[in-house]
N, C-alpha and C. Protein backbone atom coordinates (compact mmCIF):
# COMPACT_ATOMS: atom_id res chain seq x y z
N UNK A 1 30.46 17.20 -42.86
CA UNK A 1 29.96 15.83 -42.39
C UNK A 1 28.64 15.51 -43.24
N UNK A 2 27.80 16.41 -43.40
CA UNK A 2 26.55 16.19 -44.09
C UNK A 2 26.90 15.87 -45.53
N UNK A 3 27.80 16.61 -46.19
CA UNK A 3 28.22 16.45 -47.51
C UNK A 3 28.77 15.02 -47.74
N UNK A 4 29.61 14.54 -46.77
CA UNK A 4 30.18 13.15 -46.89
C UNK A 4 29.10 12.13 -46.84
N UNK A 5 28.07 12.40 -45.97
CA UNK A 5 26.95 11.41 -45.81
C UNK A 5 26.16 11.33 -47.17
N UNK A 6 25.94 12.52 -47.73
CA UNK A 6 25.28 12.69 -49.03
C UNK A 6 25.96 11.88 -50.11
N UNK A 7 27.30 11.97 -50.15
CA UNK A 7 28.13 11.26 -51.14
C UNK A 7 28.05 9.75 -50.90
N UNK A 8 28.07 9.30 -49.72
CA UNK A 8 27.95 7.87 -49.47
C UNK A 8 26.57 7.33 -49.82
N UNK A 9 25.56 8.14 -49.51
CA UNK A 9 24.21 7.76 -49.88
C UNK A 9 24.02 7.73 -51.33
N UNK A 10 24.49 8.64 -52.06
CA UNK A 10 24.48 8.68 -53.50
C UNK A 10 25.20 7.38 -54.09
N UNK A 11 26.35 7.10 -53.59
CA UNK A 11 27.14 5.94 -53.91
C UNK A 11 26.38 4.72 -53.74
N UNK A 12 25.72 4.55 -52.61
CA UNK A 12 24.94 3.34 -52.22
C UNK A 12 23.67 3.16 -53.30
N UNK A 13 23.06 4.32 -53.57
CA UNK A 13 21.87 4.21 -54.42
C UNK A 13 22.29 3.81 -55.82
N UNK A 14 23.32 4.51 -56.36
CA UNK A 14 23.77 4.19 -57.72
C UNK A 14 24.34 2.81 -57.87
N UNK A 15 25.01 2.31 -56.79
CA UNK A 15 25.55 0.95 -56.90
C UNK A 15 24.44 -0.12 -56.87
N UNK A 16 23.51 0.15 -55.93
CA UNK A 16 22.35 -0.72 -55.85
C UNK A 16 21.57 -0.77 -57.18
N UNK A 17 21.32 0.34 -57.74
CA UNK A 17 20.65 0.40 -59.05
C UNK A 17 21.41 -0.37 -60.06
N UNK A 18 22.73 -0.30 -60.21
CA UNK A 18 23.51 -0.97 -61.15
C UNK A 18 23.42 -2.51 -60.88
N UNK A 19 23.45 -2.87 -59.70
CA UNK A 19 23.38 -4.37 -59.35
C UNK A 19 22.05 -4.93 -59.83
N UNK A 20 20.92 -4.20 -59.49
CA UNK A 20 19.67 -4.59 -59.88
C UNK A 20 19.49 -4.60 -61.36
N UNK A 21 19.93 -3.58 -62.08
CA UNK A 21 19.75 -3.50 -63.53
C UNK A 21 20.53 -4.65 -64.21
N UNK A 22 21.73 -4.94 -63.68
CA UNK A 22 22.57 -6.05 -64.27
C UNK A 22 21.83 -7.36 -64.07
N UNK A 23 21.33 -7.61 -62.90
CA UNK A 23 20.56 -8.92 -62.71
C UNK A 23 19.34 -9.00 -63.62
N UNK A 24 18.62 -7.95 -63.82
CA UNK A 24 17.51 -7.90 -64.68
C UNK A 24 17.89 -8.19 -66.12
N UNK A 25 18.94 -7.52 -66.54
CA UNK A 25 19.34 -7.67 -67.93
C UNK A 25 19.84 -9.11 -68.14
N UNK A 26 20.61 -9.78 -67.21
CA UNK A 26 21.08 -11.12 -67.33
C UNK A 26 19.90 -12.11 -67.49
N UNK A 27 18.83 -11.82 -66.92
CA UNK A 27 17.59 -12.70 -67.02
C UNK A 27 16.94 -12.56 -68.36
N UNK A 28 16.95 -11.40 -68.94
CA UNK A 28 16.20 -11.11 -70.17
C UNK A 28 17.00 -11.29 -71.44
N UNK A 29 18.36 -11.04 -71.41
CA UNK A 29 19.21 -11.05 -72.62
C UNK A 29 20.34 -12.01 -72.43
N UNK A 30 20.38 -12.93 -73.45
CA UNK A 30 21.49 -13.84 -73.44
C UNK A 30 22.56 -13.33 -74.46
N UNK A 31 23.82 -13.50 -74.17
CA UNK A 31 24.81 -13.05 -75.17
C UNK A 31 24.86 -14.01 -76.31
N UNK A 32 25.33 -13.54 -77.46
CA UNK A 32 25.32 -14.29 -78.73
C UNK A 32 26.43 -15.41 -78.55
N UNK A 33 26.24 -16.42 -79.45
CA UNK A 33 27.24 -17.51 -79.50
C UNK A 33 26.91 -18.57 -78.48
N UNK A 34 28.01 -19.41 -78.35
CA UNK A 34 27.80 -20.58 -77.46
C UNK A 34 28.82 -20.50 -76.31
N UNK A 35 28.46 -21.05 -75.17
CA UNK A 35 29.29 -21.08 -73.98
C UNK A 35 30.27 -22.28 -74.08
N UNK A 36 31.61 -21.92 -73.96
CA UNK A 36 32.57 -22.95 -73.98
C UNK A 36 33.37 -22.95 -72.68
N UNK A 37 34.04 -24.03 -72.31
CA UNK A 37 34.76 -24.15 -71.13
C UNK A 37 36.28 -24.25 -71.57
N UNK A 38 37.09 -23.21 -71.02
CA UNK A 38 38.47 -23.27 -71.33
C UNK A 38 39.21 -23.23 -69.97
N UNK A 39 39.69 -24.35 -69.55
CA UNK A 39 40.42 -24.47 -68.31
C UNK A 39 39.62 -24.02 -67.07
N UNK A 40 38.37 -24.29 -67.02
CA UNK A 40 37.50 -23.94 -65.86
C UNK A 40 36.93 -22.56 -66.02
N UNK A 41 37.23 -21.78 -67.03
CA UNK A 41 36.68 -20.51 -67.29
C UNK A 41 35.57 -20.68 -68.39
N UNK A 42 34.45 -20.13 -68.15
CA UNK A 42 33.26 -20.18 -69.24
C UNK A 42 33.35 -18.90 -70.06
N UNK A 43 33.57 -19.13 -71.32
CA UNK A 43 33.59 -18.03 -72.25
C UNK A 43 32.62 -18.19 -73.31
N UNK A 44 32.05 -17.09 -73.85
CA UNK A 44 31.08 -17.11 -74.98
C UNK A 44 31.96 -16.89 -76.24
N UNK A 45 31.68 -17.89 -77.12
CA UNK A 45 32.33 -17.89 -78.45
C UNK A 45 31.30 -17.51 -79.55
N UNK A 46 31.51 -16.34 -80.12
CA UNK A 46 30.60 -15.82 -81.22
C UNK A 46 31.41 -15.73 -82.49
N UNK A 47 31.13 -16.50 -83.45
CA UNK A 47 31.89 -16.59 -84.69
C UNK A 47 31.11 -15.69 -85.69
N UNK A 48 31.87 -14.71 -86.33
CA UNK A 48 31.24 -13.84 -87.32
C UNK A 48 32.29 -13.67 -88.42
N UNK A 49 31.91 -13.87 -89.58
CA UNK A 49 32.77 -13.73 -90.73
C UNK A 49 32.19 -12.86 -91.83
N UNK A 50 32.99 -11.97 -92.33
CA UNK A 50 32.51 -11.11 -93.43
C UNK A 50 33.67 -10.61 -94.23
N UNK A 51 33.53 -10.56 -95.57
CA UNK A 51 34.58 -10.09 -96.40
C UNK A 51 35.64 -11.06 -96.72
N UNK A 52 36.79 -10.60 -97.16
CA UNK A 52 37.94 -11.43 -97.59
C UNK A 52 39.16 -11.10 -96.77
N UNK A 53 40.11 -11.98 -96.88
CA UNK A 53 41.44 -11.79 -96.19
C UNK A 53 41.53 -12.66 -94.99
N UNK A 54 42.55 -12.47 -94.24
CA UNK A 54 42.80 -13.35 -93.10
C UNK A 54 41.88 -12.95 -91.93
N UNK A 55 41.61 -13.92 -91.12
CA UNK A 55 40.66 -13.79 -90.03
C UNK A 55 41.32 -13.04 -88.81
N UNK A 56 40.62 -12.35 -88.02
CA UNK A 56 41.05 -11.58 -86.89
C UNK A 56 40.34 -12.20 -85.66
N UNK A 57 41.08 -12.41 -84.67
CA UNK A 57 40.47 -12.89 -83.36
C UNK A 57 40.47 -11.73 -82.35
N UNK A 58 39.24 -11.43 -81.89
CA UNK A 58 39.07 -10.36 -80.86
C UNK A 58 38.64 -11.02 -79.60
N UNK A 59 39.36 -10.75 -78.51
CA UNK A 59 39.10 -11.25 -77.18
C UNK A 59 38.64 -10.08 -76.36
N UNK A 60 37.38 -10.10 -75.90
CA UNK A 60 36.80 -9.05 -75.16
C UNK A 60 36.40 -9.52 -73.77
N UNK A 61 36.71 -8.90 -72.76
CA UNK A 61 36.48 -9.35 -71.39
C UNK A 61 35.06 -9.00 -70.97
N UNK A 62 34.55 -9.65 -70.05
CA UNK A 62 33.23 -9.34 -69.49
C UNK A 62 33.30 -9.52 -67.94
N UNK A 63 32.64 -8.64 -67.23
CA UNK A 63 32.67 -8.74 -65.80
C UNK A 63 31.53 -9.60 -65.27
N UNK A 64 30.66 -10.00 -66.14
CA UNK A 64 29.56 -10.82 -65.59
C UNK A 64 29.77 -12.34 -65.73
N UNK A 65 28.97 -13.06 -65.07
CA UNK A 65 29.07 -14.48 -65.09
C UNK A 65 27.75 -15.09 -65.67
N UNK A 66 27.81 -16.22 -66.23
CA UNK A 66 26.60 -16.92 -66.73
C UNK A 66 26.74 -18.38 -66.28
């Protein structure tokens, strides 16, 4: 019983820390590129080009909102 309570307490502390750290980071650091609206979803578009050849599109998900 005590071990279970310790596990839940540890889970609560680490989750709380992660939420606070994410909120702090969102205030201090902006993602690169511009924010675009695609069908009601706000996505950051960051164009980067280097070298020769055909272009590649990389779609990366984010769990945060802006």
